[in-house]
Amino acid sequence: MLDVTTTPPATPIDVGPEPEPKQGKKRPRPRKRARQAISIVLENSGSVARDHLASERTFLAYIRTSLLFASTGLFAIASPSTPLTRFARPLGATLVIFALVVLAIGVRRYFLVQNLLTQGKFPLTRITPATLATVTAIIIIIVFAILVLSRK
């Protein structure tokens, strides 16, 4: 039988209160304080670091996918005049818009996962990857159909 153990939620490390500024020393600048508020230090117990790094790798994969669609779309828009130009520009614009959608999904997912991982939870997704795969397959089929029909 499979033994499933749960890890406790990641807890921020208590670094103690901020030291009082001594006479003659300046208080931290607001920019430095903002950086400290954004950055969270977690205790690396169980798989905390591995999970957060996996989330970052997934975010980078969303960025790579978005860049691929955007560069392909821009190439289609900027391609020289050919018999397929009437299809290339709308398809290129569609690819650029889809690239922005993929990037927005990746950013939203990254911050959602980061927030929930600090609480010891992880959100499963089923619809988003399936939707992205379906739209990508539809785009590939449309491009293939355009290329086949233009040969006739």
N, C-alpha and C. Protein backbone atom coordinates (compact mmCIF):
# COMPACT_ATOMS: atom_id res chain seq x y z
N MET A 1 0.84 -1.17 0.00
CA MET A 1 0.00 0.00 0.00
C MET A 1 0.89 1.24 0.00
N LEU A 2 0.42 2.29 -0.61
CA LEU A 2 1.19 3.51 -0.75
C LEU A 2 1.12 4.32 0.53
N ASP A 3 2.27 4.70 1.05
CA ASP A 3 2.32 5.50 2.27
C ASP A 3 2.42 6.97 1.88
N VAL A 4 1.37 7.72 2.15
CA VAL A 4 1.35 9.13 1.81
C VAL A 4 1.50 9.92 3.10
N THR A 5 2.55 10.70 3.18
CA THR A 5 2.76 11.54 4.35
C THR A 5 2.61 12.98 3.94
N THR A 6 2.12 13.77 4.83
CA THR A 6 1.96 15.19 4.53
C THR A 6 3.05 15.96 5.23
N THR A 7 3.50 16.99 4.58
CA THR A 7 4.51 17.85 5.19
C THR A 7 3.80 19.03 5.83
N PRO A 8 4.34 19.51 6.92
CA PRO A 8 3.70 20.67 7.56
C PRO A 8 3.84 21.90 6.68
N PRO A 9 2.92 22.86 6.82
CA PRO A 9 3.01 24.05 6.00
C PRO A 9 4.33 24.79 6.27
N ALA A 10 4.82 25.44 5.23
CA ALA A 10 6.05 26.21 5.36
C ALA A 10 5.78 27.43 6.23
N THR A 11 6.62 27.65 7.19
CA THR A 11 6.44 28.80 8.06
C THR A 11 7.59 29.78 7.86
N PRO A 12 7.27 31.05 7.81
CA PRO A 12 8.35 32.03 7.68
C PRO A 12 9.27 31.97 8.90
N ILE A 13 10.54 32.19 8.68
CA ILE A 13 11.51 32.19 9.77
C ILE A 13 11.41 33.51 10.50
N ASP A 14 11.36 33.44 11.82
CA ASP A 14 11.31 34.64 12.63
C ASP A 14 12.73 35.15 12.81
N VAL A 15 13.02 36.28 12.21
CA VAL A 15 14.36 36.84 12.33
C VAL A 15 14.43 37.89 13.43
N GLY A 16 13.37 37.98 14.19
CA GLY A 16 13.37 38.90 15.32
C GLY A 16 12.92 40.29 14.91
N PRO A 17 12.73 41.15 15.90
CA PRO A 17 12.29 42.51 15.58
C PRO A 17 13.41 43.29 14.89
N GLU A 18 13.01 44.28 14.14
CA GLU A 18 13.98 45.13 13.47
C GLU A 18 14.70 45.97 14.51
N PRO A 19 16.02 46.00 14.45
CA PRO A 19 16.75 46.75 15.46
C PRO A 19 16.46 48.24 15.37
N GLU A 20 16.43 48.86 16.51
CA GLU A 20 16.21 50.30 16.57
C GLU A 20 17.43 51.02 16.03
N PRO A 21 17.23 52.06 15.24
CA PRO A 21 18.38 52.79 14.72
C PRO A 21 19.11 53.51 15.85
N LYS A 22 20.43 53.43 15.80
CA LYS A 22 21.24 54.10 16.81
C LYS A 22 21.33 55.58 16.47
N GLN A 23 21.74 56.36 17.47
CA GLN A 23 21.87 57.79 17.27
C GLN A 23 22.85 58.05 16.13
N GLY A 24 22.47 58.90 15.22
CA GLY A 24 23.34 59.25 14.13
C GLY A 24 23.19 58.35 12.92
N LYS A 25 22.55 57.18 13.05
CA LYS A 25 22.35 56.28 11.91
C LYS A 25 20.98 56.53 11.31
N LYS A 26 20.92 56.41 10.00
CA LYS A 26 19.65 56.64 9.30
C LYS A 26 18.80 55.39 9.34
N ARG A 27 17.51 55.58 9.26
CA ARG A 27 16.58 54.46 9.15
C ARG A 27 16.68 53.90 7.74
N PRO A 28 16.28 52.63 7.55
CA PRO A 28 16.33 52.05 6.20
C PRO A 28 15.47 52.85 5.23
N ARG A 29 15.93 52.99 4.03
CA ARG A 29 15.19 53.72 3.02
C ARG A 29 13.92 52.95 2.66
N PRO A 30 12.89 53.66 2.21
CA PRO A 30 11.63 52.98 1.87
C PRO A 30 11.81 51.88 0.82
N ARG A 31 12.69 52.07 -0.14
CA ARG A 31 12.90 51.06 -1.18
C ARG A 31 13.43 49.78 -0.56
N LYS A 32 14.35 49.89 0.39
CA LYS A 32 14.90 48.71 1.04
C LYS A 32 13.82 48.00 1.86
N ARG A 33 12.98 48.78 2.54
CA ARG A 33 11.89 48.20 3.32
C ARG A 33 10.90 47.48 2.41
N ALA A 34 10.62 48.05 1.25
CA ALA A 34 9.69 47.41 0.31
C ALA A 34 10.27 46.09 -0.18
N ARG A 35 11.58 46.06 -0.45
CA ARG A 35 12.21 44.82 -0.90
C ARG A 35 12.12 43.75 0.18
N GLN A 36 12.28 44.16 1.44
CA GLN A 36 12.20 43.20 2.53
C GLN A 36 10.77 42.67 2.69
N ALA A 37 9.78 43.51 2.43
CA ALA A 37 8.39 43.09 2.56
C ALA A 37 8.00 42.12 1.45
N ILE A 38 8.59 42.26 0.27
CA ILE A 38 8.26 41.39 -0.85
C ILE A 38 8.92 40.03 -0.68
N SER A 39 10.12 40.01 -0.19
CA SER A 39 10.88 38.77 -0.05
C SER A 39 10.47 38.05 1.23
N ILE A 40 10.16 36.77 1.11
CA ILE A 40 9.80 35.95 2.26
C ILE A 40 10.84 34.86 2.41
N VAL A 41 11.35 34.69 3.62
CA VAL A 41 12.32 33.64 3.88
C VAL A 41 11.58 32.50 4.57
N LEU A 42 11.63 31.31 3.97
CA LEU A 42 10.93 30.16 4.52
C LEU A 42 11.93 29.15 5.06
N GLU A 43 11.52 28.43 6.07
CA GLU A 43 12.35 27.36 6.60
C GLU A 43 12.33 26.21 5.60
N ASN A 44 13.50 25.70 5.26
CA ASN A 44 13.59 24.65 4.25
C ASN A 44 13.42 23.29 4.93
N SER A 45 12.18 22.98 5.26
CA SER A 45 11.89 21.67 5.85
C SER A 45 11.05 20.89 4.86
N GLY A 46 11.33 19.62 4.75
CA GLY A 46 10.59 18.80 3.79
C GLY A 46 10.97 19.17 2.38
N SER A 47 9.97 19.48 1.58
CA SER A 47 10.22 19.77 0.17
C SER A 47 9.91 21.22 -0.18
N VAL A 48 10.07 22.13 0.76
CA VAL A 48 9.70 23.53 0.55
C VAL A 48 10.51 24.14 -0.60
N ALA A 49 11.83 24.04 -0.53
CA ALA A 49 12.67 24.65 -1.57
C ALA A 49 12.42 24.00 -2.92
N ARG A 50 12.31 22.69 -2.93
CA ARG A 50 12.08 21.97 -4.19
C ARG A 50 10.75 22.40 -4.82
N ASP A 51 9.71 22.55 -4.02
CA ASP A 51 8.42 22.94 -4.55
C ASP A 51 8.45 24.35 -5.13
N HIS A 52 9.10 25.27 -4.42
CA HIS A 52 9.16 26.65 -4.90
C HIS A 52 10.01 26.75 -6.18
N LEU A 53 11.10 26.00 -6.23
CA LEU A 53 11.93 26.01 -7.44
C LEU A 53 11.19 25.37 -8.62
N ALA A 54 10.41 24.34 -8.36
CA ALA A 54 9.60 23.73 -9.42
C ALA A 54 8.57 24.73 -9.95
N SER A 55 8.01 25.52 -9.04
CA SER A 55 7.05 26.54 -9.46
C SER A 55 7.73 27.59 -10.34
N GLU A 56 8.95 27.97 -10.00
CA GLU A 56 9.68 28.93 -10.82
C GLU A 56 10.00 28.36 -12.20
N ARG A 57 10.37 27.08 -12.25
CA ARG A 57 10.64 26.44 -13.55
C ARG A 57 9.39 26.40 -14.41
N THR A 58 8.25 26.14 -13.80
CA THR A 58 6.99 26.13 -14.54
C THR A 58 6.67 27.52 -15.07
N PHE A 59 6.92 28.54 -14.26
CA PHE A 59 6.71 29.91 -14.71
C PHE A 59 7.60 30.24 -15.91
N LEU A 60 8.86 29.80 -15.86
CA LEU A 60 9.76 30.03 -16.99
C LEU A 60 9.29 29.28 -18.23
N ALA A 61 8.67 28.12 -18.06
CA ALA A 61 8.11 27.40 -19.21
C ALA A 61 6.96 28.17 -19.83
N TYR A 62 6.13 28.80 -19.00
CA TYR A 62 5.06 29.66 -19.54
C TYR A 62 5.66 30.82 -20.33
N ILE A 63 6.74 31.41 -19.82
CA ILE A 63 7.38 32.52 -20.53
C ILE A 63 7.95 32.04 -21.86
N ARG A 64 8.61 30.88 -21.87
CA ARG A 64 9.16 30.35 -23.13
C ARG A 64 8.06 30.09 -24.15
N THR A 65 6.95 29.52 -23.69
CA THR A 65 5.84 29.24 -24.59
C THR A 65 5.27 30.54 -25.15
N SER A 66 5.12 31.54 -24.29
CA SER A 66 4.61 32.83 -24.72
C SER A 66 5.55 33.47 -25.74
N LEU A 67 6.85 33.40 -25.50
CA LEU A 67 7.81 33.97 -26.44
C LEU A 67 7.77 33.25 -27.79
N LEU A 68 7.57 31.94 -27.75
CA LEU A 68 7.48 31.17 -29.00
C LEU A 68 6.29 31.62 -29.83
N PHE A 69 5.13 31.74 -29.20
CA PHE A 69 3.94 32.17 -29.93
C PHE A 69 4.10 33.61 -30.43
N ALA A 70 4.65 34.49 -29.59
CA ALA A 70 4.81 35.89 -29.99
C ALA A 70 5.79 36.03 -31.15
N SER A 71 6.91 35.33 -31.08
CA SER A 71 7.89 35.46 -32.17
C SER A 71 7.36 34.85 -33.46
N THR A 72 6.64 33.75 -33.36
CA THR A 72 6.03 33.16 -34.56
C THR A 72 4.99 34.11 -35.16
N GLY A 73 4.19 34.71 -34.30
CA GLY A 73 3.18 35.65 -34.78
C GLY A 73 3.79 36.88 -35.42
N LEU A 74 4.84 37.42 -34.81
CA LEU A 74 5.51 38.59 -35.38
C LEU A 74 6.17 38.25 -36.71
N PHE A 75 6.73 37.05 -36.81
CA PHE A 75 7.32 36.63 -38.08
C PHE A 75 6.24 36.54 -39.16
N ALA A 76 5.08 36.00 -38.80
CA ALA A 76 3.99 35.87 -39.78
C ALA A 76 3.50 37.25 -40.22
N ILE A 77 3.45 38.19 -39.30
CA ILE A 77 2.99 39.54 -39.64
C ILE A 77 4.01 40.26 -40.52
N ALA A 78 5.29 40.09 -40.22
CA ALA A 78 6.34 40.83 -40.93
C ALA A 78 6.87 40.09 -42.15
N SER A 79 6.34 38.93 -42.47
CA SER A 79 6.86 38.16 -43.60
C SER A 79 6.58 38.91 -44.90
N PRO A 80 7.47 38.72 -45.88
CA PRO A 80 7.28 39.41 -47.16
C PRO A 80 6.00 38.94 -47.86
N SER A 81 5.57 39.72 -48.81
CA SER A 81 4.32 39.40 -49.54
C SER A 81 4.44 38.07 -50.27
N THR A 82 3.49 37.23 -49.98
CA THR A 82 3.38 35.93 -50.64
C THR A 82 1.90 35.68 -50.89
N PRO A 83 1.57 34.63 -51.60
CA PRO A 83 0.14 34.33 -51.77
C PRO A 83 -0.57 34.06 -50.44
N LEU A 84 0.19 33.72 -49.40
CA LEU A 84 -0.42 33.42 -48.10
C LEU A 84 -0.52 34.64 -47.19
N THR A 85 -0.15 35.83 -47.68
CA THR A 85 -0.16 37.03 -46.84
C THR A 85 -1.54 37.32 -46.28
N ARG A 86 -2.57 37.06 -47.07
CA ARG A 86 -3.92 37.35 -46.58
C ARG A 86 -4.28 36.49 -45.36
N PHE A 87 -3.63 35.31 -45.21
CA PHE A 87 -3.84 34.48 -44.03
C PHE A 87 -2.82 34.77 -42.94
N ALA A 88 -1.64 35.19 -43.35
CA ALA A 88 -0.54 35.33 -42.40
C ALA A 88 -0.77 36.44 -41.38
N ARG A 89 -1.28 37.56 -41.82
CA ARG A 89 -1.45 38.68 -40.88
C ARG A 89 -2.50 38.40 -39.81
N PRO A 90 -3.69 37.92 -40.16
CA PRO A 90 -4.65 37.60 -39.09
C PRO A 90 -4.15 36.47 -38.18
N LEU A 91 -3.50 35.49 -38.77
CA LEU A 91 -2.95 34.39 -37.96
C LEU A 91 -1.84 34.89 -37.05
N GLY A 92 -0.98 35.77 -37.57
CA GLY A 92 0.09 36.34 -36.75
C GLY A 92 -0.46 37.16 -35.60
N ALA A 93 -1.47 37.97 -35.86
CA ALA A 93 -2.09 38.76 -34.79
C ALA A 93 -2.72 37.85 -33.74
N THR A 94 -3.36 36.77 -34.20
CA THR A 94 -3.95 35.80 -33.27
C THR A 94 -2.88 35.17 -32.39
N LEU A 95 -1.74 34.84 -32.99
CA LEU A 95 -0.65 34.23 -32.21
C LEU A 95 -0.08 35.19 -31.18
N VAL A 96 0.05 36.46 -31.53
CA VAL A 96 0.56 37.44 -30.57
C VAL A 96 -0.42 37.61 -29.41
N ILE A 97 -1.70 37.68 -29.71
CA ILE A 97 -2.71 37.79 -28.65
C ILE A 97 -2.70 36.54 -27.77
N PHE A 98 -2.60 35.38 -28.40
CA PHE A 98 -2.53 34.13 -27.63
C PHE A 98 -1.27 34.10 -26.75
N ALA A 99 -0.17 34.66 -27.24
CA ALA A 99 1.06 34.73 -26.44
C ALA A 99 0.84 35.57 -25.19
N LEU A 100 0.14 36.68 -25.33
CA LEU A 100 -0.15 37.53 -24.16
C LEU A 100 -1.06 36.80 -23.17
N VAL A 101 -2.01 36.03 -23.69
CA VAL A 101 -2.90 35.25 -22.81
C VAL A 101 -2.10 34.20 -22.04
N VAL A 102 -1.20 33.50 -22.74
CA VAL A 102 -0.37 32.48 -22.09
C VAL A 102 0.50 33.12 -21.00
N LEU A 103 1.07 34.28 -21.30
CA LEU A 103 1.89 34.98 -20.31
C LEU A 103 1.06 35.39 -19.10
N ALA A 104 -0.13 35.90 -19.32
CA ALA A 104 -1.00 36.30 -18.20
C ALA A 104 -1.38 35.08 -17.35
N ILE A 105 -1.67 33.96 -17.99
CA ILE A 105 -1.99 32.74 -17.24
C ILE A 105 -0.79 32.30 -16.42
N GLY A 106 0.40 32.36 -17.00
CA GLY A 106 1.62 31.96 -16.28
C GLY A 106 1.89 32.84 -15.07
N VAL A 107 1.73 34.15 -15.22
CA VAL A 107 1.97 35.07 -14.09
C VAL A 107 0.95 34.81 -12.99
N ARG A 108 -0.32 34.69 -13.36
CA ARG A 108 -1.37 34.44 -12.36
C ARG A 108 -1.11 33.13 -11.62
N ARG A 109 -0.78 32.10 -12.38
CA ARG A 109 -0.54 30.78 -11.78
C ARG A 109 0.67 30.80 -10.85
N TYR A 110 1.73 31.48 -11.26
CA TYR A 110 2.94 31.53 -10.44
C TYR A 110 2.65 32.14 -9.07
N PHE A 111 1.98 33.29 -9.06
CA PHE A 111 1.73 33.95 -7.78
C PHE A 111 0.69 33.19 -6.95
N LEU A 112 -0.27 32.54 -7.60
CA LEU A 112 -1.22 31.72 -6.87
C LEU A 112 -0.52 30.55 -6.18
N VAL A 113 0.35 29.87 -6.92
CA VAL A 113 1.07 28.73 -6.36
C VAL A 113 2.00 29.17 -5.24
N GLN A 114 2.71 30.29 -5.43
CA GLN A 114 3.62 30.78 -4.39
C GLN A 114 2.85 31.08 -3.10
N ASN A 115 1.70 31.71 -3.24
CA ASN A 115 0.90 32.05 -2.07
C ASN A 115 0.42 30.79 -1.36
N LEU A 116 -0.09 29.82 -2.11
CA LEU A 116 -0.63 28.61 -1.49
C LEU A 116 0.48 27.70 -0.94
N LEU A 117 1.64 27.69 -1.56
CA LEU A 117 2.74 26.87 -1.03
C LEU A 117 3.18 27.34 0.35
N THR A 118 3.12 28.64 0.60
CA THR A 118 3.47 29.14 1.94
C THR A 118 2.45 28.72 2.98
N GLN A 119 1.26 28.32 2.53
CA GLN A 119 0.22 27.84 3.44
C GLN A 119 0.19 26.31 3.52
N GLY A 120 1.11 25.66 2.80
CA GLY A 120 1.16 24.20 2.82
C GLY A 120 0.15 23.54 1.89
N LYS A 121 -0.35 24.29 0.92
CA LYS A 121 -1.34 23.77 -0.02
C LYS A 121 -0.78 23.86 -1.44
N PHE A 122 -1.44 23.17 -2.37
CA PHE A 122 -1.04 23.24 -3.77
C PHE A 122 -2.29 23.13 -4.64
N PRO A 123 -2.49 24.10 -5.56
CA PRO A 123 -3.68 24.06 -6.41
C PRO A 123 -3.49 23.16 -7.63
N LEU A 124 -4.40 22.23 -7.83
CA LEU A 124 -4.36 21.41 -9.03
C LEU A 124 -5.07 22.14 -10.16
N THR A 125 -4.56 22.00 -11.36
CA THR A 125 -5.25 22.58 -12.51
C THR A 125 -5.48 21.49 -13.53
N ARG A 126 -6.61 21.54 -14.14
CA ARG A 126 -6.93 20.59 -15.20
C ARG A 126 -7.41 21.33 -16.43
N ILE A 127 -8.20 22.37 -16.21
CA ILE A 127 -8.82 23.07 -17.33
C ILE A 127 -7.81 23.92 -18.09
N THR A 128 -6.95 24.65 -17.38
CA THR A 128 -6.01 25.55 -18.04
C THR A 128 -5.06 24.82 -19.00
N PRO A 129 -4.35 23.77 -18.58
CA PRO A 129 -3.48 23.09 -19.54
C PRO A 129 -4.26 22.47 -20.70
N ALA A 130 -5.43 21.93 -20.41
CA ALA A 130 -6.24 21.34 -21.48
C ALA A 130 -6.69 22.40 -22.48
N THR A 131 -7.07 23.58 -21.98
CA THR A 131 -7.48 24.67 -22.86
C THR A 131 -6.32 25.15 -23.71
N LEU A 132 -5.15 25.34 -23.09
CA LEU A 132 -3.97 25.78 -23.84
C LEU A 132 -3.59 24.76 -24.91
N ALA A 133 -3.64 23.49 -24.57
CA ALA A 133 -3.32 22.44 -25.54
C ALA A 133 -4.33 22.41 -26.68
N THR A 134 -5.60 22.58 -26.37
CA THR A 134 -6.64 22.58 -27.40
C THR A 134 -6.49 23.76 -28.35
N VAL A 135 -6.26 24.95 -27.80
CA VAL A 135 -6.09 26.13 -28.66
C VAL A 135 -4.84 25.98 -29.53
N THR A 136 -3.77 25.46 -28.95
CA THR A 136 -2.54 25.23 -29.72
C THR A 136 -2.79 24.23 -30.85
N ALA A 137 -3.51 23.16 -30.56
CA ALA A 137 -3.83 22.16 -31.59
C ALA A 137 -4.68 22.78 -32.69
N ILE A 138 -5.63 23.63 -32.33
CA ILE A 138 -6.48 24.28 -33.33
C ILE A 138 -5.64 25.19 -34.23
N ILE A 139 -4.71 25.94 -33.63
CA ILE A 139 -3.84 26.81 -34.43
C ILE A 139 -2.98 25.98 -35.39
N ILE A 140 -2.45 24.88 -34.90
CA ILE A 140 -1.63 24.01 -35.76
C ILE A 140 -2.46 23.45 -36.92
N ILE A 141 -3.68 23.03 -36.64
CA ILE A 141 -4.56 22.48 -37.69
C ILE A 141 -4.89 23.56 -38.72
N ILE A 142 -5.16 24.79 -38.26
CA ILE A 142 -5.47 25.88 -39.18
C ILE A 142 -4.27 26.17 -40.09
N VAL A 143 -3.07 26.25 -39.50
CA VAL A 143 -1.87 26.51 -40.30
C VAL A 143 -1.66 25.39 -41.31
N PHE A 144 -1.82 24.16 -40.88
CA PHE A 144 -1.65 23.01 -41.79
C PHE A 144 -2.68 23.07 -42.93
N ALA A 145 -3.92 23.39 -42.60
CA ALA A 145 -4.96 23.48 -43.62
C ALA A 145 -4.65 24.59 -44.62
N ILE A 146 -4.19 25.73 -44.13
CA ILE A 146 -3.84 26.84 -45.03
C ILE A 146 -2.72 26.42 -45.97
N LEU A 147 -1.71 25.75 -45.43
CA LEU A 147 -0.58 25.33 -46.27
C LEU A 147 -1.01 24.28 -47.30
N VAL A 148 -1.85 23.35 -46.92
CA VAL A 148 -2.31 22.32 -47.85
C VAL A 148 -3.20 22.92 -48.93
N LEU A 149 -4.12 23.78 -48.53
CA LEU A 149 -5.04 24.39 -49.52
C LEU A 149 -4.33 25.35 -50.46
N SER A 150 -3.25 25.95 -50.01
CA SER A 150 -2.52 26.89 -50.88
C SER A 150 -1.71 26.16 -51.94
N ARG A 151 -1.44 24.88 -51.75
CA ARG A 151 -0.68 24.09 -52.73
C ARG A 151 -1.53 23.74 -53.95
N LYS A 152 -2.85 23.75 -53.81
CA LYS A 152 -3.74 23.35 -54.91
C LYS A 152 -3.86 24.40 -55.95
